[in-house]
Amino acid sequence: MTNPYSGLPDHCFWSRSHRGRARPEIDPVVKGGFTLTPEMKIATAGSCFAQHIAKHLQGAGYNYFVTEDAHPVISPVVARQFGYGVFSARYGNIYTVRQLLQLAGRAFGEFTPVEDVWEVDGGFVDPFRPNVTEKPFPTMEAFTAAREAHYAAVREMLTEADVFVFTLGLTEAWVSREDGTVFAMAPGVAGGTFDPERHEFHNFTVDEIVQDFTDFATGLRTANPDVKILLTVSPVPLIATAREDQSVITATAYSKAVLRVAAEQLSATVPDCFYFPSYEVITGNHAGGDYFASDLRDVEPAGVAHVMSLFMRHYTEAGAEAAPEVKDGDPRFEDEVQDMLDVICDELMIEKSVSS
């Protein structure tokens, strides 16, 4: 007797996908969507977890595409603190797809927010990347010059990248009631003043995210027809939720479920758009929670290494030969990976703003 499951490969069955395998050997990637070569320009954007991919590719000799560099006299450590090289351009964390869509619109002069600068003591703060400077811009002229340079870098990144990697991070956002502008964080957290008559909370749905990213991809392909898109979902839980009727635990479950469904729909409908399961590698039952640090939020070196070993195996020319060997509990290995784990998360400003 045969049935639709007869003859299916091992990866289709739960028991066969993990039984008898060490945790680092578990591989939920059936097939890579495309093959990276060292000369391809790889751009990244999104949540904090996207930084892990960028750092590893750079360390492995791939062409991590950075269009907004710091002045040569600035040390790499200081430059990174101010957003240079963290992502392909100096836009900081882009937690929601609407944020990404509006960034492209601003960069190409197609969208001008009503509230596009925050005046504070000592100068001016950019509502869309409030943490890229230690102090506010001292003058409006300095603010405008920096923003124009940033938008030029964003345009270069979007029009010249061969691969665009975006990590979906959050569904929760704060928006302008006037025109729907999405801020990097709630006004008042890292600049600006919160006004309930001007600002409101919004929790994006699957349909909204799918539509926003489809619109973004359409515009991207108009400027850059051959670019390939790789989507991931950040496994990092929300640091806080603005929903008073929800625990941050249930709010995180909702947010990640929405993002995962949206990523699935987009990979099925947007041409040359693929999904990579970093979320599943970190949060899956096989990991037993051990890929999270003691705070149950930060991702441990072994988890990042497992993700990147699979990425290199399925998305590079060298395949398995390019994948780093992952050994649980090996201190030499963890020291090597730890250097790549110092990520910059704007979301941390939420806790700082309420504890100061």
Protein backbone atom coordinates (compact mmCIF):
# COMPACT_ATOMS: atom_id res chain seq x y z
CA MET A 1 0.00 0.00 0.00
CA THR A 2 1.25 3.50 -0.82
CA ASN A 3 0.04 6.91 0.31
CA PRO A 4 1.15 10.52 -0.25
CA TYR A 5 3.85 10.16 2.43
CA SER A 6 5.41 7.04 0.93
CA GLY A 7 8.90 7.68 -0.37
CA LEU A 8 9.21 11.20 0.99
CA PRO A 9 12.73 12.23 2.06
CA ASP A 10 13.85 12.14 5.69
CA HIS A 11 13.51 15.90 6.16
CA CYS A 12 9.74 15.56 5.77
CA PHE A 13 9.45 13.47 8.95
CA TRP A 14 9.93 14.80 12.46
CA SER A 15 11.67 11.72 13.86
CA ARG A 16 14.04 11.34 10.93
CA SER A 17 15.00 15.02 10.91
CA HIS A 18 16.64 14.91 14.32
CA ARG A 19 16.95 11.32 15.59
CA GLY A 20 20.52 10.22 16.22
CA ARG A 21 21.98 13.60 15.28
CA ALA A 22 24.01 15.96 17.42
CA ARG A 23 22.35 19.34 17.79
CA PRO A 24 24.78 21.24 15.49
CA GLU A 25 24.12 18.67 12.75
CA ILE A 26 20.39 19.33 12.56
CA ASP A 27 19.67 21.08 9.29
CA PRO A 28 16.20 22.41 8.39
CA VAL A 29 17.44 23.98 5.15
CA VAL A 30 16.33 21.74 2.30
CA LYS A 31 17.89 23.79 -0.49
CA GLY A 32 19.51 27.20 -0.85
CA GLY A 33 17.71 29.66 -3.07
CA PHE A 34 20.84 30.89 -4.86
CA THR A 35 24.63 30.76 -4.60
CA LEU A 36 26.78 33.58 -3.27
CA THR A 37 30.12 34.30 -4.86
CA PRO A 38 32.87 36.42 -3.27
CA GLU A 39 32.40 39.29 -5.71
CA MET A 40 28.65 39.68 -5.16
CA LYS A 41 27.60 42.77 -3.22
CA ILE A 42 25.64 41.62 -0.17
CA ALA A 43 23.56 44.27 1.61
CA THR A 44 21.82 43.83 4.97
CA ALA A 45 19.11 45.60 6.92
CA GLY A 46 16.64 44.80 9.65
CA SER A 47 16.70 43.87 13.31
CA CYS A 48 19.71 43.24 15.52
CA PHE A 49 20.09 39.64 14.40
CA ALA A 50 20.89 40.76 10.84
CA GLN A 51 24.23 42.00 12.14
CA HIS A 52 25.37 38.44 12.81
CA ILE A 53 24.98 37.55 9.14
CA ALA A 54 26.86 40.64 8.03
CA LYS A 55 29.77 40.07 10.41
CA HIS A 56 30.18 36.43 9.49
CA LEU A 57 30.10 37.05 5.75
CA GLN A 58 32.64 39.81 6.13
CA GLY A 59 34.88 37.58 8.21
CA ALA A 60 34.60 34.78 5.67
CA GLY A 61 35.86 36.99 2.85
CA TYR A 62 32.57 37.78 1.17
CA ASN A 63 31.72 41.22 -0.17
CA TYR A 64 29.65 42.80 2.56
CA PHE A 65 28.37 45.89 0.78
CA VAL A 66 28.78 49.07 2.87
CA THR A 67 27.93 52.36 1.18
CA GLU A 68 28.23 54.72 4.15
CA ASP A 69 31.71 54.66 5.65
CA ALA A 70 33.17 56.59 8.56
CA HIS A 71 36.00 59.07 8.07
CA PRO A 72 39.37 57.25 8.02
CA VAL A 73 40.57 59.03 11.17
CA ILE A 74 37.76 57.48 13.23
CA SER A 75 38.69 54.18 14.85
CA PRO A 76 36.65 51.12 13.84
CA VAL A 77 35.34 50.73 17.40
CA VAL A 78 34.09 54.30 17.60
CA ALA A 79 32.73 54.16 14.05
CA ARG A 80 30.70 51.10 14.89
CA GLN A 81 29.26 52.75 18.00
CA PHE A 82 27.85 55.43 15.73
CA GLY A 83 26.33 53.07 13.21
CA TYR A 84 29.01 52.81 10.55
CA GLY A 85 29.32 49.32 9.10
CA VAL A 86 26.63 47.90 11.39
CA PHE A 87 24.41 47.62 8.34
CA SER A 88 25.07 48.49 4.72
CA ALA A 89 24.08 52.09 5.33
CA ARG A 90 23.86 54.04 8.56
CA TYR A 91 20.14 53.58 9.17
CA GLY A 92 20.32 51.66 12.45
CA ASN A 93 17.83 48.92 13.20
CA ILE A 94 14.86 48.72 10.85
CA TYR A 95 12.45 46.69 12.91
CA THR A 96 9.33 46.80 10.71
CA VAL A 97 8.72 46.45 6.99
CA ARG A 98 6.76 49.71 6.87
CA GLN A 99 9.90 51.40 8.22
CA LEU A 100 11.91 49.86 5.37
CA LEU A 101 9.37 50.89 2.76
CA GLN A 102 9.31 54.47 4.03
CA LEU A 103 13.12 54.63 4.18
CA ALA A 104 13.27 53.80 0.48
CA GLY A 105 10.58 56.38 -0.19
CA ARG A 106 12.47 59.08 1.71
CA ALA A 107 15.78 58.21 0.05
CA PHE A 108 14.30 58.47 -3.45
CA GLY A 109 12.31 61.62 -2.66
CA GLU A 110 8.95 59.89 -2.90
CA PHE A 111 7.89 60.35 0.73
CA THR A 112 8.43 63.32 3.03
CA PRO A 113 7.14 62.87 6.59
CA VAL A 114 5.36 65.71 8.31
CA GLU A 115 7.43 65.08 11.44
CA ASP A 116 10.92 64.49 10.05
CA VAL A 117 13.16 66.11 12.67
CA TRP A 118 13.09 66.39 16.44
CA GLU A 119 14.40 69.57 17.99
CA VAL A 120 15.88 68.92 21.45
CA ASP A 121 18.17 70.69 23.88
CA GLY A 122 21.48 71.06 22.11
CA GLY A 123 20.32 70.57 18.57
CA PHE A 124 18.42 68.18 16.30
CA VAL A 125 17.72 64.42 16.32
CA ASP A 126 16.73 62.22 13.40
CA PRO A 127 13.46 60.41 14.31
CA PHE A 128 14.39 57.52 12.01
CA ARG A 129 17.90 56.86 13.34
CA PRO A 130 18.13 58.60 16.72
CA ASN A 131 21.16 56.66 17.97
CA VAL A 132 23.65 57.29 15.17
CA THR A 133 25.17 60.26 17.00
CA GLU A 134 26.26 60.59 20.62
CA LYS A 135 24.90 64.13 20.76
CA PRO A 136 22.24 65.90 18.70
CA PHE A 137 23.29 67.57 15.46
CA PRO A 138 24.27 71.10 16.57
CA THR A 139 22.62 72.91 13.63
CA MET A 140 19.91 72.22 11.11
CA GLU A 141 22.52 72.59 8.39
CA ALA A 142 24.60 69.78 9.89
CA PHE A 143 21.49 67.64 10.29
CA THR A 144 20.44 68.17 6.68
CA ALA A 145 23.92 67.49 5.28
CA ALA A 146 24.20 64.23 7.23
CA ARG A 147 20.75 63.12 6.12
CA GLU A 148 21.41 63.86 2.45
CA ALA A 149 24.65 61.87 2.61
CA HIS A 150 22.75 59.04 4.26
CA TYR A 151 20.01 59.03 1.63
CA ALA A 152 22.63 58.95 -1.14
CA ALA A 153 24.19 55.89 0.56
CA VAL A 154 20.78 54.19 0.80
CA ARG A 155 20.13 54.81 -2.90
CA GLU A 156 23.52 53.37 -3.80
CA MET A 157 22.90 50.31 -1.64
CA LEU A 158 19.46 49.61 -3.10
CA THR A 159 20.46 50.16 -6.73
CA GLU A 160 23.79 48.28 -6.70
CA ALA A 161 23.36 45.36 -4.29
CA ASP A 162 23.36 41.88 -5.80
CA VAL A 163 21.74 40.41 -2.69
CA PHE A 164 19.55 42.13 -0.11
CA VAL A 165 19.18 40.34 3.23
CA PHE A 166 16.40 41.61 5.48
CA THR A 167 15.68 40.31 8.98
CA LEU A 168 12.11 40.85 10.12
CA GLY A 169 12.18 41.82 13.77
CA LEU A 170 8.96 43.36 15.12
CA THR A 171 5.32 43.95 14.38
CA GLU A 172 4.85 46.65 17.02
CA ALA A 173 5.56 50.26 16.05
CA TRP A 174 4.77 53.86 16.84
CA VAL A 175 3.39 55.95 14.01
CA SER A 176 2.33 59.49 13.25
CA ARG A 177 -1.41 60.06 13.29
CA GLU A 178 -0.88 62.77 10.66
CA ASP A 179 0.58 60.72 7.82
CA GLY A 180 1.38 57.21 9.07
CA THR A 181 5.11 57.79 9.40
CA VAL A 182 6.79 54.98 11.36
CA PHE A 183 9.39 56.09 13.87
CA ALA A 184 12.44 54.04 14.79
CA MET A 185 11.19 54.01 18.38
CA ALA A 186 8.39 55.67 20.29
CA PRO A 187 8.86 59.43 20.54
CA GLY A 188 10.35 60.19 23.94
CA VAL A 189 12.52 57.06 24.12
CA ALA A 190 15.58 58.41 22.32
CA GLY A 191 14.45 61.87 21.33
CA GLY A 192 11.31 63.78 20.56
CA THR A 193 8.28 64.19 22.79
CA PHE A 194 5.44 61.72 22.94
CA ASP A 195 2.04 63.28 22.23
CA PRO A 196 -0.96 60.89 22.21
CA GLU A 197 -2.79 63.30 19.92
CA ARG A 198 -0.02 63.03 17.30
CA HIS A 199 1.39 59.55 17.90
CA GLU A 200 -0.26 56.14 18.14
CA PHE A 201 0.67 52.52 18.61
CA HIS A 202 0.25 50.10 15.72
CA ASN A 203 0.71 46.34 15.58
CA PHE A 204 1.18 45.25 11.98
CA THR A 205 -0.77 42.32 10.58
CA VAL A 206 0.33 39.63 8.13
CA ASP A 207 -1.56 41.30 5.29
CA GLU A 208 0.00 44.69 5.99
CA ILE A 209 3.51 43.27 6.15
CA VAL A 210 3.07 41.27 2.96
CA GLN A 211 1.71 44.30 1.12
CA ASP A 212 4.46 46.61 2.43
CA PHE A 213 7.27 44.27 1.48
CA THR A 214 5.71 43.53 -1.91
CA ASP A 215 5.59 47.28 -2.57
CA PHE A 216 9.20 47.62 -1.41
CA ALA A 217 10.36 44.73 -3.60
CA THR A 218 8.53 46.18 -6.62
CA GLY A 219 10.31 49.50 -6.18
CA LEU A 220 13.62 47.78 -5.50
CA ARG A 221 13.35 45.73 -8.68
CA THR A 222 12.50 48.83 -10.70
CA ALA A 223 15.85 50.31 -9.67
CA ASN A 224 17.74 47.01 -9.47
CA PRO A 225 16.05 44.28 -11.57
CA ASP A 226 18.44 41.41 -10.82
CA VAL A 227 18.78 41.73 -7.05
CA LYS A 228 18.02 38.62 -5.02
CA ILE A 229 16.22 38.90 -1.68
CA LEU A 230 16.76 36.75 1.38
CA LEU A 231 14.36 37.01 4.32
CA THR A 232 14.97 35.83 7.86
CA VAL A 233 13.00 36.24 11.09
CA SER A 234 14.83 37.36 14.20
CA PRO A 235 14.64 34.81 17.04
CA VAL A 236 15.24 37.54 19.64
CA PRO A 237 12.14 38.16 21.82
CA LEU A 238 10.64 41.62 22.24
CA ILE A 239 12.38 43.62 24.93
CA ALA A 240 9.01 45.16 25.83
CA THR A 241 5.48 45.37 24.51
CA ALA A 242 3.29 48.45 24.43
CA ARG A 243 0.17 46.30 24.79
CA GLU A 244 -0.97 46.65 28.40
CA ASP A 245 -3.42 43.77 27.96
CA GLN A 246 -0.63 41.36 26.95
CA SER A 247 2.41 39.82 28.55
CA VAL A 248 5.62 40.42 26.63
CA ILE A 249 5.79 36.62 26.33
CA THR A 250 2.49 36.31 24.47
CA ALA A 251 3.18 39.50 22.51
CA THR A 252 6.46 37.97 21.34
CA ALA A 253 4.72 34.75 20.29
CA TYR A 254 2.18 36.75 18.28
CA SER A 255 4.81 38.96 16.65
CA LYS A 256 7.07 36.09 15.58
CA ALA A 257 4.13 34.07 14.27
CA VAL A 258 2.97 36.99 12.15
CA LEU A 259 6.46 37.62 10.79
CA ARG A 260 7.03 33.97 10.02
CA VAL A 261 3.74 33.67 8.12
CA ALA A 262 4.46 36.89 6.23
CA ALA A 263 7.92 35.62 5.27
CA GLU A 264 6.40 32.38 3.98
CA GLN A 265 3.86 34.22 1.85
CA LEU A 266 6.48 36.60 0.48
CA SER A 267 8.91 33.83 -0.45
CA ALA A 268 6.08 32.20 -2.39
CA THR A 269 4.87 35.32 -4.21
CA VAL A 270 7.80 37.71 -4.68
CA PRO A 271 10.19 36.65 -7.47
CA ASP A 272 13.72 35.70 -6.37
CA CYS A 273 12.74 36.10 -2.71
CA PHE A 274 13.79 33.29 -0.38
CA TYR A 275 13.42 32.43 3.30
CA PHE A 276 16.27 31.23 5.51
CA PRO A 277 15.21 29.51 8.78
CA SER A 278 17.51 31.14 11.32
CA TYR A 279 14.47 31.56 13.59
CA GLU A 280 13.79 27.83 13.60
CA VAL A 281 17.44 26.93 14.19
CA ILE A 282 17.62 29.05 17.34
CA THR A 283 14.15 28.47 18.80
CA GLY A 284 13.42 24.91 17.64
CA ASN A 285 12.83 22.04 20.05
CA HIS A 286 16.14 20.49 19.07
CA ALA A 287 17.97 23.43 20.70
CA GLY A 288 16.30 22.84 24.07
CA GLY A 289 16.54 26.57 24.81
CA ASP A 290 20.34 26.31 25.06
CA TYR A 291 20.91 28.72 22.20
CA PHE A 292 19.69 31.55 24.43
CA ALA A 293 21.77 33.21 27.15
CA SER A 294 20.73 33.30 30.80
CA ASP A 295 18.41 36.26 30.12
CA LEU A 296 16.51 33.98 27.68
CA ARG A 297 16.80 36.72 25.05
CA ASP A 298 20.35 37.13 23.79
CA VAL A 299 21.54 34.45 21.36
CA GLU A 300 24.55 32.41 22.40
CA PRO A 301 27.65 32.00 20.17
CA ALA A 302 26.84 28.34 19.46
CA GLY A 303 23.41 29.33 18.13
CA VAL A 304 24.81 31.99 15.81
CA ALA A 305 27.45 29.54 14.61
CA HIS A 306 24.82 26.88 13.86
CA VAL A 307 22.85 29.38 11.80
CA MET A 308 25.91 30.57 9.90
CA SER A 309 27.21 27.05 9.30
CA LEU A 310 23.95 26.23 7.53
CA PHE A 311 23.96 29.50 5.64
CA MET A 312 27.50 28.95 4.35
CA ARG A 313 26.73 25.32 3.50
CA HIS A 314 23.66 26.08 1.42
CA TYR A 315 24.32 29.55 0.02
CA THR A 316 28.02 29.64 -0.92
CA GLU A 317 30.08 28.09 -3.69
CA ALA A 318 32.22 26.11 -1.27
CA GLY A 319 29.13 24.60 0.35
CA ALA A 320 29.88 22.32 3.28
CA GLU A 321 33.58 23.16 3.07
CA ALA A 322 32.78 26.79 3.86
CA ALA A 323 30.65 25.93 6.90
CA PRO A 324 32.43 26.40 10.23
CA GLU A 325 32.51 23.33 12.43
CA VAL A 326 30.11 23.77 15.32
CA LYS A 327 31.08 22.15 18.61
CA ASP A 328 28.84 22.64 21.61
CA GLY A 329 30.74 23.77 24.67
CA ASP A 330 34.10 24.18 22.90
CA PRO A 331 35.58 27.31 24.56
CA ARG A 332 38.00 27.94 21.69
CA PHE A 333 35.16 27.94 19.23
CA GLU A 334 32.96 30.17 21.40
CA ASP A 335 35.77 32.69 21.91
CA GLU A 336 36.19 32.86 18.14
CA VAL A 337 32.50 33.53 17.56
CA GLN A 338 32.05 35.91 20.51
CA ASP A 339 33.88 38.63 18.60
CA MET A 340 30.99 38.64 16.13
CA LEU A 341 28.26 38.87 18.75
CA ASP A 342 28.56 42.48 19.88
CA VAL A 343 25.46 43.73 18.11
CA ILE A 344 23.88 47.13 18.42
CA CYS A 345 20.17 47.09 19.26
CA ASP A 346 18.25 50.35 19.33
CA GLU A 347 15.45 48.49 21.13
CA LEU A 348 17.55 48.48 24.30
CA MET A 349 16.83 52.19 24.62
CA ILE A 350 13.29 51.28 25.73
CA GLU A 351 14.48 49.79 29.02
CA LYS A 352 17.06 52.54 29.51
CA SER A 353 14.39 55.21 29.02
CA VAL A 354 12.15 53.82 31.76
CA SER A 355 14.91 52.98 34.25
CA SER A 356 16.77 56.28 34.13
